[in-house]
Amino acid sequence: MLTEYDLLILAKSNRVSAVKEQPWLTAQTGGLLQRYVSGGGGLLVLHSGTVGYRDIEDVRGLVGGVFHHHPEQCLVTVEPVQETEITRGVQAFTMQDEHYFMDMTDQSDVNIFMVTRSEYGEQTGGWTRTEGEGRVCVLTPGHNLAVWLHPGYQQLLRQALTWTASAPKGE
């Protein structure tokens, strides 16, 4: 059924709900997700979509990194570090947010296009990678509604959606 879609968005941590903490995505379904992307699908991972997948090898490898922790909410600067199809026209901006600290799995196969900075340091805040015929894009900001409503973040989202959904599909 996944092959009917050009793009999937993962914006949910790996637990059923705040009350039911068991994982909703298992190693078996993680393998299905990896095969979907490898076969030409797109995966856009947003904020909490990086949380709770550390023990699912296929997902951790597919995404290229997993959430480690975040300090209390603070002012976070989102800053493109290179011009890409995703960052084109986006200027740095600062908002109150959760500053995600990530454990990157293997930076040799990721293209880091954005960092986030706060009083707690600098972190990778956005990256892309390819998997087989598919594309993966990750944006770590986005806990608060104000971030989602910021024109710079909306532009990042639009351009990330376009890039991620336009995998070559077996060409």
N, C-alpha and C. Protein backbone atom coordinates (compact mmCIF):
# COMPACT_ATOMS: atom_id res chain seq x y z
N MET A 1 0.81 -1.20 0.00
CA MET A 1 0.00 0.00 0.00
C MET A 1 0.86 1.27 0.00
N LEU A 2 2.03 1.24 0.65
CA LEU A 2 2.87 2.43 0.71
C LEU A 2 3.28 2.92 -0.67
N THR A 3 3.46 2.03 -1.62
CA THR A 3 3.95 2.42 -2.94
C THR A 3 2.97 3.33 -3.68
N GLU A 4 1.75 3.47 -3.20
CA GLU A 4 0.78 4.38 -3.80
C GLU A 4 1.14 5.84 -3.54
N TYR A 5 2.05 6.07 -2.59
CA TYR A 5 2.37 7.43 -2.15
C TYR A 5 3.79 7.80 -2.51
N ASP A 6 3.97 9.04 -2.96
CA ASP A 6 5.31 9.55 -3.28
C ASP A 6 6.08 9.92 -2.02
N LEU A 7 5.35 10.19 -0.94
CA LEU A 7 5.97 10.75 0.26
C LEU A 7 5.24 10.30 1.51
N LEU A 8 6.00 9.98 2.52
CA LEU A 8 5.46 9.75 3.87
C LEU A 8 6.08 10.79 4.80
N ILE A 9 5.30 11.24 5.76
CA ILE A 9 5.81 12.16 6.78
C ILE A 9 5.78 11.43 8.11
N LEU A 10 6.93 11.42 8.77
CA LEU A 10 7.05 10.83 10.10
C LEU A 10 7.25 11.97 11.09
N ALA A 11 6.21 12.26 11.86
CA ALA A 11 6.27 13.37 12.81
C ALA A 11 5.81 12.91 14.19
N LYS A 12 5.90 11.62 14.44
CA LYS A 12 5.41 11.04 15.69
C LYS A 12 6.50 10.22 16.35
N SER A 13 6.65 10.41 17.66
CA SER A 13 7.60 9.58 18.38
C SER A 13 7.11 8.13 18.39
N ASN A 14 8.01 7.24 18.71
CA ASN A 14 7.68 5.82 18.62
C ASN A 14 7.02 5.31 19.90
N ARG A 15 5.85 5.84 20.17
CA ARG A 15 4.99 5.28 21.20
C ARG A 15 3.55 5.55 20.80
N VAL A 16 2.66 4.64 21.21
CA VAL A 16 1.27 4.72 20.78
C VAL A 16 0.64 6.04 21.20
N SER A 17 0.84 6.43 22.44
CA SER A 17 0.28 7.69 22.94
C SER A 17 1.03 8.09 24.21
N ALA A 18 0.65 9.22 24.78
CA ALA A 18 1.27 9.65 26.03
C ALA A 18 0.96 8.67 27.16
N VAL A 19 -0.15 7.98 27.06
CA VAL A 19 -0.55 7.01 28.08
C VAL A 19 -0.01 5.62 27.76
N LYS A 20 -0.10 5.23 26.50
CA LYS A 20 0.38 3.92 26.07
C LYS A 20 1.78 4.08 25.48
N GLU A 21 2.79 3.77 26.27
CA GLU A 21 4.15 4.04 25.86
C GLU A 21 4.78 2.95 24.99
N GLN A 22 4.05 1.87 24.71
CA GLN A 22 4.64 0.84 23.87
C GLN A 22 4.83 1.39 22.44
N PRO A 23 5.84 0.88 21.73
CA PRO A 23 6.12 1.38 20.38
C PRO A 23 4.99 1.07 19.40
N TRP A 24 4.75 1.99 18.50
CA TRP A 24 3.77 1.74 17.44
C TRP A 24 4.48 1.21 16.20
N LEU A 25 5.77 1.47 16.07
CA LEU A 25 6.54 0.99 14.92
C LEU A 25 7.55 -0.03 15.43
N THR A 26 7.54 -1.21 14.84
CA THR A 26 8.41 -2.30 15.28
C THR A 26 9.54 -2.50 14.28
N ALA A 27 10.44 -3.42 14.61
CA ALA A 27 11.53 -3.74 13.69
C ALA A 27 10.97 -4.23 12.35
N GLN A 28 9.89 -4.99 12.37
CA GLN A 28 9.30 -5.50 11.13
C GLN A 28 8.76 -4.35 10.27
N THR A 29 8.00 -3.44 10.87
CA THR A 29 7.48 -2.32 10.09
C THR A 29 8.57 -1.34 9.71
N GLY A 30 9.62 -1.27 10.54
CA GLY A 30 10.78 -0.44 10.17
C GLY A 30 11.43 -0.94 8.90
N GLY A 31 11.49 -2.26 8.74
CA GLY A 31 12.02 -2.84 7.50
C GLY A 31 11.15 -2.51 6.30
N LEU A 32 9.84 -2.48 6.48
CA LEU A 32 8.93 -2.10 5.40
C LEU A 32 9.16 -0.65 4.99
N LEU A 33 9.35 0.21 5.98
CA LEU A 33 9.61 1.62 5.70
C LEU A 33 10.92 1.78 4.93
N GLN A 34 11.93 1.05 5.34
CA GLN A 34 13.23 1.11 4.66
C GLN A 34 13.08 0.64 3.22
N ARG A 35 12.34 -0.41 2.98
CA ARG A 35 12.14 -0.91 1.60
C ARG A 35 11.32 0.07 0.75
N TYR A 36 10.34 0.72 1.37
CA TYR A 36 9.55 1.74 0.66
C TYR A 36 10.46 2.85 0.14
N VAL A 37 11.30 3.39 1.02
CA VAL A 37 12.19 4.48 0.60
C VAL A 37 13.22 3.97 -0.41
N SER A 38 13.81 2.85 -0.14
CA SER A 38 14.82 2.29 -1.04
C SER A 38 14.25 2.07 -2.44
N GLY A 39 12.97 1.77 -2.51
CA GLY A 39 12.31 1.55 -3.79
C GLY A 39 11.88 2.82 -4.50
N GLY A 40 12.15 3.99 -3.93
CA GLY A 40 11.85 5.24 -4.60
C GLY A 40 10.91 6.16 -3.85
N GLY A 41 10.50 5.80 -2.64
CA GLY A 41 9.62 6.66 -1.86
C GLY A 41 10.39 7.77 -1.18
N GLY A 42 9.66 8.77 -0.75
CA GLY A 42 10.24 9.88 0.00
C GLY A 42 9.81 9.81 1.45
N LEU A 43 10.71 10.19 2.35
CA LEU A 43 10.41 10.22 3.78
C LEU A 43 10.85 11.57 4.34
N LEU A 44 9.89 12.33 4.85
CA LEU A 44 10.18 13.59 5.52
C LEU A 44 9.97 13.37 7.01
N VAL A 45 11.03 13.54 7.79
CA VAL A 45 10.99 13.31 9.23
C VAL A 45 11.03 14.66 9.93
N LEU A 46 10.01 14.91 10.75
CA LEU A 46 9.88 16.20 11.41
C LEU A 46 9.92 16.04 12.92
N HIS A 47 10.72 16.84 13.57
CA HIS A 47 10.82 16.99 15.02
C HIS A 47 10.70 15.66 15.76
N SER A 48 9.57 15.38 16.39
CA SER A 48 9.45 14.19 17.24
C SER A 48 9.46 12.90 16.44
N GLY A 49 9.45 12.99 15.12
CA GLY A 49 9.61 11.79 14.29
C GLY A 49 11.00 11.19 14.41
N THR A 50 11.89 11.85 15.15
CA THR A 50 13.24 11.31 15.40
C THR A 50 13.34 10.63 16.77
N VAL A 51 12.25 10.64 17.55
CA VAL A 51 12.28 10.20 18.95
C VAL A 51 11.82 8.75 19.09
N GLY A 52 12.62 7.93 19.76
CA GLY A 52 12.20 6.59 20.12
C GLY A 52 12.54 5.50 19.12
N TYR A 53 13.36 5.82 18.13
CA TYR A 53 13.68 4.84 17.08
C TYR A 53 15.11 4.32 17.19
N ARG A 54 15.79 4.63 18.26
CA ARG A 54 17.18 4.23 18.45
C ARG A 54 17.38 2.72 18.31
N ASP A 55 16.45 1.92 18.80
CA ASP A 55 16.62 0.46 18.80
C ASP A 55 16.07 -0.22 17.55
N ILE A 56 15.57 0.56 16.60
CA ILE A 56 15.07 -0.03 15.35
C ILE A 56 16.10 0.30 14.27
N GLU A 57 16.98 -0.64 14.03
CA GLU A 57 18.14 -0.43 13.18
C GLU A 57 17.78 0.10 11.80
N ASP A 58 16.74 -0.46 11.16
CA ASP A 58 16.37 0.00 9.82
C ASP A 58 15.94 1.46 9.81
N VAL A 59 15.20 1.87 10.82
CA VAL A 59 14.75 3.26 10.89
C VAL A 59 15.91 4.18 11.23
N ARG A 60 16.70 3.82 12.22
CA ARG A 60 17.85 4.63 12.62
C ARG A 60 18.78 4.86 11.42
N GLY A 61 19.08 3.79 10.69
CA GLY A 61 19.94 3.92 9.52
C GLY A 61 19.30 4.71 8.40
N LEU A 62 18.01 4.51 8.20
CA LEU A 62 17.28 5.21 7.14
C LEU A 62 17.26 6.71 7.39
N VAL A 63 16.97 7.09 8.62
CA VAL A 63 16.86 8.51 8.96
C VAL A 63 18.24 9.17 9.03
N GLY A 64 19.23 8.45 9.50
CA GLY A 64 20.58 9.00 9.58
C GLY A 64 20.93 9.58 10.93
N GLY A 65 19.99 9.56 11.85
CA GLY A 65 20.23 10.05 13.19
C GLY A 65 18.98 9.91 14.03
N VAL A 66 19.16 9.94 15.34
CA VAL A 66 18.03 9.83 16.25
C VAL A 66 18.17 10.86 17.37
N PHE A 67 17.04 11.20 17.95
CA PHE A 67 16.96 12.13 19.07
C PHE A 67 17.74 11.57 20.26
N HIS A 68 18.50 12.45 20.91
CA HIS A 68 19.18 12.08 22.15
C HIS A 68 18.51 12.75 23.34
N HIS A 69 18.38 14.08 23.30
CA HIS A 69 17.74 14.82 24.39
C HIS A 69 17.49 16.25 23.95
N HIS A 70 16.76 16.97 24.78
CA HIS A 70 16.66 18.42 24.63
C HIS A 70 16.61 19.06 26.00
N PRO A 71 17.23 20.24 26.15
CA PRO A 71 17.11 20.97 27.40
C PRO A 71 15.73 21.63 27.48
N GLU A 72 15.48 22.37 28.54
CA GLU A 72 14.24 23.15 28.64
C GLU A 72 14.13 24.04 27.41
N GLN A 73 12.91 24.38 27.03
CA GLN A 73 12.73 25.25 25.88
C GLN A 73 13.52 26.54 26.07
N CYS A 74 14.03 27.02 24.94
CA CYS A 74 14.87 28.21 24.96
C CYS A 74 14.81 28.85 23.58
N LEU A 75 15.50 29.97 23.41
CA LEU A 75 15.61 30.57 22.09
C LEU A 75 16.55 29.71 21.25
N VAL A 76 16.06 29.30 20.09
CA VAL A 76 16.84 28.46 19.17
C VAL A 76 16.93 29.19 17.83
N THR A 77 18.14 29.32 17.34
CA THR A 77 18.36 29.91 16.02
C THR A 77 18.46 28.78 15.01
N VAL A 78 17.68 28.88 13.97
CA VAL A 78 17.68 27.93 12.85
C VAL A 78 18.45 28.62 11.72
N GLU A 79 19.55 27.99 11.28
CA GLU A 79 20.41 28.65 10.30
C GLU A 79 20.83 27.71 9.18
N PRO A 80 20.41 28.01 7.95
CA PRO A 80 20.94 27.23 6.81
C PRO A 80 22.44 27.42 6.72
N VAL A 81 23.16 26.34 6.41
CA VAL A 81 24.62 26.43 6.30
C VAL A 81 25.08 26.20 4.87
N GLN A 82 24.16 25.92 3.98
CA GLN A 82 24.47 25.86 2.56
C GLN A 82 23.19 26.07 1.77
N GLU A 83 23.35 26.54 0.55
CA GLU A 83 22.21 26.74 -0.34
C GLU A 83 21.89 25.41 -1.00
N THR A 84 20.68 24.93 -0.77
CA THR A 84 20.19 23.70 -1.39
C THR A 84 18.79 23.97 -1.90
N GLU A 85 18.18 22.98 -2.53
CA GLU A 85 16.79 23.12 -2.96
C GLU A 85 15.88 23.34 -1.76
N ILE A 86 16.28 22.88 -0.60
CA ILE A 86 15.46 23.00 0.61
C ILE A 86 15.66 24.34 1.30
N THR A 87 16.87 24.88 1.29
CA THR A 87 17.16 26.12 2.01
C THR A 87 17.07 27.37 1.14
N ARG A 88 16.87 27.20 -0.15
CA ARG A 88 16.86 28.35 -1.07
C ARG A 88 15.93 29.46 -0.57
N GLY A 89 16.50 30.63 -0.37
CA GLY A 89 15.72 31.80 0.04
C GLY A 89 15.41 31.88 1.53
N VAL A 90 15.86 30.94 2.32
CA VAL A 90 15.57 30.92 3.76
C VAL A 90 16.71 31.60 4.51
N GLN A 91 16.35 32.59 5.32
CA GLN A 91 17.32 33.27 6.18
C GLN A 91 17.23 32.70 7.59
N ALA A 92 18.30 32.84 8.35
CA ALA A 92 18.31 32.39 9.75
C ALA A 92 17.19 33.09 10.51
N PHE A 93 16.60 32.37 11.45
CA PHE A 93 15.58 32.95 12.32
C PHE A 93 15.70 32.33 13.71
N THR A 94 15.19 33.04 14.71
CA THR A 94 15.28 32.59 16.10
C THR A 94 13.88 32.55 16.70
N MET A 95 13.58 31.41 17.36
CA MET A 95 12.26 31.19 17.97
C MET A 95 12.42 30.41 19.27
N GLN A 96 11.44 30.50 20.13
CA GLN A 96 11.38 29.65 21.33
C GLN A 96 11.01 28.24 20.87
N ASP A 97 11.81 27.24 21.26
CA ASP A 97 11.56 25.88 20.80
C ASP A 97 12.31 24.89 21.70
N GLU A 98 12.10 23.62 21.46
CA GLU A 98 12.94 22.59 22.06
C GLU A 98 14.17 22.47 21.17
N HIS A 99 15.35 22.57 21.77
CA HIS A 99 16.58 22.43 21.01
C HIS A 99 16.99 20.97 21.03
N TYR A 100 16.71 20.29 19.92
CA TYR A 100 17.00 18.86 19.84
C TYR A 100 18.48 18.59 19.66
N PHE A 101 18.99 17.69 20.48
CA PHE A 101 20.35 17.19 20.36
C PHE A 101 20.24 15.79 19.78
N MET A 102 21.00 15.55 18.71
CA MET A 102 20.85 14.33 17.92
C MET A 102 22.10 13.46 18.02
N ASP A 103 21.89 12.16 17.91
CA ASP A 103 22.98 11.21 17.70
C ASP A 103 22.94 10.82 16.23
N MET A 104 23.91 11.31 15.48
CA MET A 104 23.97 11.00 14.05
C MET A 104 24.58 9.60 13.89
N THR A 105 23.99 8.81 13.00
CA THR A 105 24.48 7.44 12.84
C THR A 105 25.75 7.37 12.01
N ASP A 106 25.79 8.08 10.90
CA ASP A 106 26.95 8.04 10.01
C ASP A 106 26.90 9.29 9.15
N GLN A 107 27.69 10.29 9.52
CA GLN A 107 27.62 11.56 8.80
C GLN A 107 28.24 11.51 7.41
N SER A 108 28.86 10.41 7.05
CA SER A 108 29.47 10.34 5.72
C SER A 108 28.43 10.25 4.61
N ASP A 109 27.21 9.81 4.94
CA ASP A 109 26.20 9.70 3.88
C ASP A 109 25.03 10.66 4.08
N VAL A 110 25.23 11.72 4.88
CA VAL A 110 24.20 12.73 5.03
C VAL A 110 24.72 14.07 4.52
N ASN A 111 23.80 14.88 4.03
CA ASN A 111 24.12 16.23 3.60
C ASN A 111 23.49 17.19 4.61
N ILE A 112 24.30 17.74 5.48
CA ILE A 112 23.81 18.66 6.51
C ILE A 112 23.63 20.03 5.87
N PHE A 113 22.39 20.51 5.86
CA PHE A 113 22.11 21.80 5.23
C PHE A 113 21.70 22.87 6.24
N MET A 114 21.52 22.48 7.51
CA MET A 114 21.02 23.43 8.49
C MET A 114 21.52 23.04 9.88
N VAL A 115 21.85 24.07 10.68
CA VAL A 115 22.20 23.85 12.08
C VAL A 115 21.22 24.62 12.95
N THR A 116 21.17 24.21 14.23
CA THR A 116 20.40 24.94 15.23
C THR A 116 21.36 25.32 16.34
N ARG A 117 21.16 26.53 16.88
CA ARG A 117 22.04 27.03 17.94
C ARG A 117 21.21 27.59 19.09
N SER A 118 21.70 27.38 20.28
CA SER A 118 21.09 27.97 21.47
C SER A 118 22.19 28.18 22.50
N GLU A 119 21.80 28.61 23.68
CA GLU A 119 22.78 28.76 24.76
C GLU A 119 23.42 27.43 25.12
N TYR A 120 22.85 26.31 24.65
CA TYR A 120 23.35 24.98 24.97
C TYR A 120 24.31 24.43 23.91
N GLY A 121 24.50 25.17 22.82
CA GLY A 121 25.44 24.73 21.80
C GLY A 121 24.83 24.69 20.41
N GLU A 122 25.55 24.03 19.52
CA GLU A 122 25.13 23.92 18.12
C GLU A 122 24.87 22.45 17.81
N GLN A 123 23.84 22.22 17.02
CA GLN A 123 23.47 20.87 16.63
C GLN A 123 23.09 20.83 15.16
N THR A 124 23.17 19.64 14.59
CA THR A 124 22.64 19.42 13.25
C THR A 124 21.12 19.59 13.35
N GLY A 125 20.57 20.43 12.50
CA GLY A 125 19.13 20.71 12.56
C GLY A 125 18.37 20.30 11.32
N GLY A 126 19.09 19.99 10.24
CA GLY A 126 18.43 19.55 9.02
C GLY A 126 19.43 18.85 8.12
N TRP A 127 19.00 17.73 7.56
CA TRP A 127 19.88 16.99 6.67
C TRP A 127 19.06 16.17 5.69
N THR A 128 19.73 15.78 4.64
CA THR A 128 19.14 14.87 3.66
C THR A 128 20.07 13.69 3.45
N ARG A 129 19.49 12.63 2.93
CA ARG A 129 20.27 11.47 2.50
C ARG A 129 19.42 10.72 1.49
N THR A 130 20.08 9.90 0.72
CA THR A 130 19.36 9.03 -0.20
C THR A 130 19.48 7.60 0.29
N GLU A 131 18.50 6.81 -0.06
CA GLU A 131 18.47 5.39 0.28
C GLU A 131 17.96 4.68 -0.96
N GLY A 132 18.83 3.97 -1.64
CA GLY A 132 18.42 3.34 -2.88
C GLY A 132 17.93 4.39 -3.85
N GLU A 133 16.69 4.23 -4.30
CA GLU A 133 16.09 5.20 -5.23
C GLU A 133 15.32 6.31 -4.51
N GLY A 134 15.27 6.27 -3.18
CA GLY A 134 14.45 7.22 -2.42
C GLY A 134 15.24 8.31 -1.75
N ARG A 135 14.49 9.25 -1.19
CA ARG A 135 15.06 10.42 -0.53
C ARG A 135 14.51 10.55 0.89
N VAL A 136 15.39 11.00 1.79
CA VAL A 136 15.02 11.25 3.17
C VAL A 136 15.45 12.68 3.51
N CYS A 137 14.57 13.41 4.19
CA CYS A 137 14.90 14.74 4.69
C CYS A 137 14.44 14.82 6.14
N VAL A 138 15.27 15.43 6.98
CA VAL A 138 14.97 15.57 8.41
C VAL A 138 15.07 17.04 8.79
N LEU A 139 14.06 17.52 9.51
CA LEU A 139 14.05 18.86 10.11
C LEU A 139 13.76 18.68 11.60
N THR A 140 14.69 19.09 12.47
CA THR A 140 14.48 18.86 13.90
C THR A 140 13.67 19.94 14.62
N PRO A 141 13.62 21.20 14.17
CA PRO A 141 12.80 22.18 14.88
C PRO A 141 11.30 21.86 14.73
N GLY A 142 10.49 22.46 15.59
CA GLY A 142 9.06 22.37 15.35
C GLY A 142 8.20 21.92 16.51
N HIS A 143 8.61 22.15 17.74
CA HIS A 143 7.75 21.75 18.85
C HIS A 143 6.58 22.71 19.04
N ASN A 144 6.83 23.99 18.89
CA ASN A 144 5.81 25.00 19.16
C ASN A 144 5.13 25.48 17.90
N LEU A 145 3.85 25.81 18.02
CA LEU A 145 3.07 26.29 16.88
C LEU A 145 3.71 27.51 16.23
N ALA A 146 4.29 28.39 17.03
CA ALA A 146 4.91 29.61 16.47
C ALA A 146 6.01 29.26 15.47
N VAL A 147 6.73 28.17 15.71
CA VAL A 147 7.76 27.76 14.75
C VAL A 147 7.10 27.38 13.43
N TRP A 148 6.04 26.58 13.50
CA TRP A 148 5.33 26.13 12.29
C TRP A 148 4.73 27.29 11.51
N LEU A 149 4.38 28.36 12.21
CA LEU A 149 3.77 29.52 11.56
C LEU A 149 4.81 30.52 11.04
N HIS A 150 6.06 30.34 11.40
CA HIS A 150 7.11 31.25 10.95
C HIS A 150 7.31 31.09 9.44
N PRO A 151 7.33 32.19 8.69
CA PRO A 151 7.48 32.09 7.23
C PRO A 151 8.73 31.32 6.79
N GLY A 152 9.84 31.48 7.52
CA GLY A 152 11.06 30.75 7.15
C GLY A 152 10.90 29.26 7.31
N TYR A 153 10.24 28.83 8.38
CA TYR A 153 10.03 27.39 8.59
C TYR A 153 9.02 26.85 7.58
N GLN A 154 7.99 27.63 7.27
CA GLN A 154 7.03 27.20 6.26
C GLN A 154 7.71 27.02 4.90
N GLN A 155 8.63 27.91 4.58
CA GLN A 155 9.37 27.77 3.32
C GLN A 155 10.24 26.52 3.34
N LEU A 156 10.93 26.26 4.47
CA LEU A 156 11.71 25.03 4.60
C LEU A 156 10.82 23.81 4.39
N LEU A 157 9.66 23.80 5.02
CA LEU A 157 8.73 22.67 4.88
C LEU A 157 8.28 22.46 3.44
N ARG A 158 7.87 23.54 2.78
CA ARG A 158 7.42 23.42 1.38
C ARG A 158 8.52 22.86 0.50
N GLN A 159 9.71 23.40 0.65
CA GLN A 159 10.82 22.98 -0.20
C GLN A 159 11.29 21.58 0.16
N ALA A 160 11.22 21.21 1.44
CA ALA A 160 11.56 19.85 1.85
C ALA A 160 10.54 18.85 1.29
N LEU A 161 9.27 19.20 1.34
CA LEU A 161 8.24 18.33 0.76
C LEU A 161 8.48 18.11 -0.73
N THR A 162 8.76 19.17 -1.44
CA THR A 162 8.99 19.07 -2.88
C THR A 162 10.22 18.22 -3.18
N TRP A 163 11.33 18.48 -2.50
CA TRP A 163 12.56 17.72 -2.75
C TRP A 163 12.37 16.24 -2.42
N THR A 164 11.78 15.97 -1.27
CA THR A 164 11.66 14.60 -0.79
C THR A 164 10.71 13.78 -1.67
N ALA A 165 9.65 14.40 -2.13
CA ALA A 165 8.65 13.69 -2.95
C ALA A 165 9.10 13.50 -4.39
N SER A 166 10.20 14.13 -4.79
CA SER A 166 10.58 14.07 -6.20
C SER A 166 11.73 13.10 -6.45
N ALA A 167 11.76 12.01 -5.69
CA ALA A 167 12.76 10.95 -5.95
C ALA A 167 12.56 10.43 -7.37
N PRO A 168 13.61 9.97 -8.03
CA PRO A 168 13.55 9.62 -9.46
C PRO A 168 12.59 8.48 -9.84
N LYS A 169 12.15 7.64 -8.92
CA LYS A 169 11.22 6.55 -9.19
C LYS A 169 11.68 5.62 -10.28
N GLY A 170 12.85 5.03 -10.12
CA GLY A 170 13.32 3.98 -11.01
C GLY A 170 13.87 4.43 -12.34
N GLU A 171 14.19 5.70 -12.48
CA GLU A 171 14.77 6.17 -13.76
C GLU A 171 16.16 5.65 -13.93
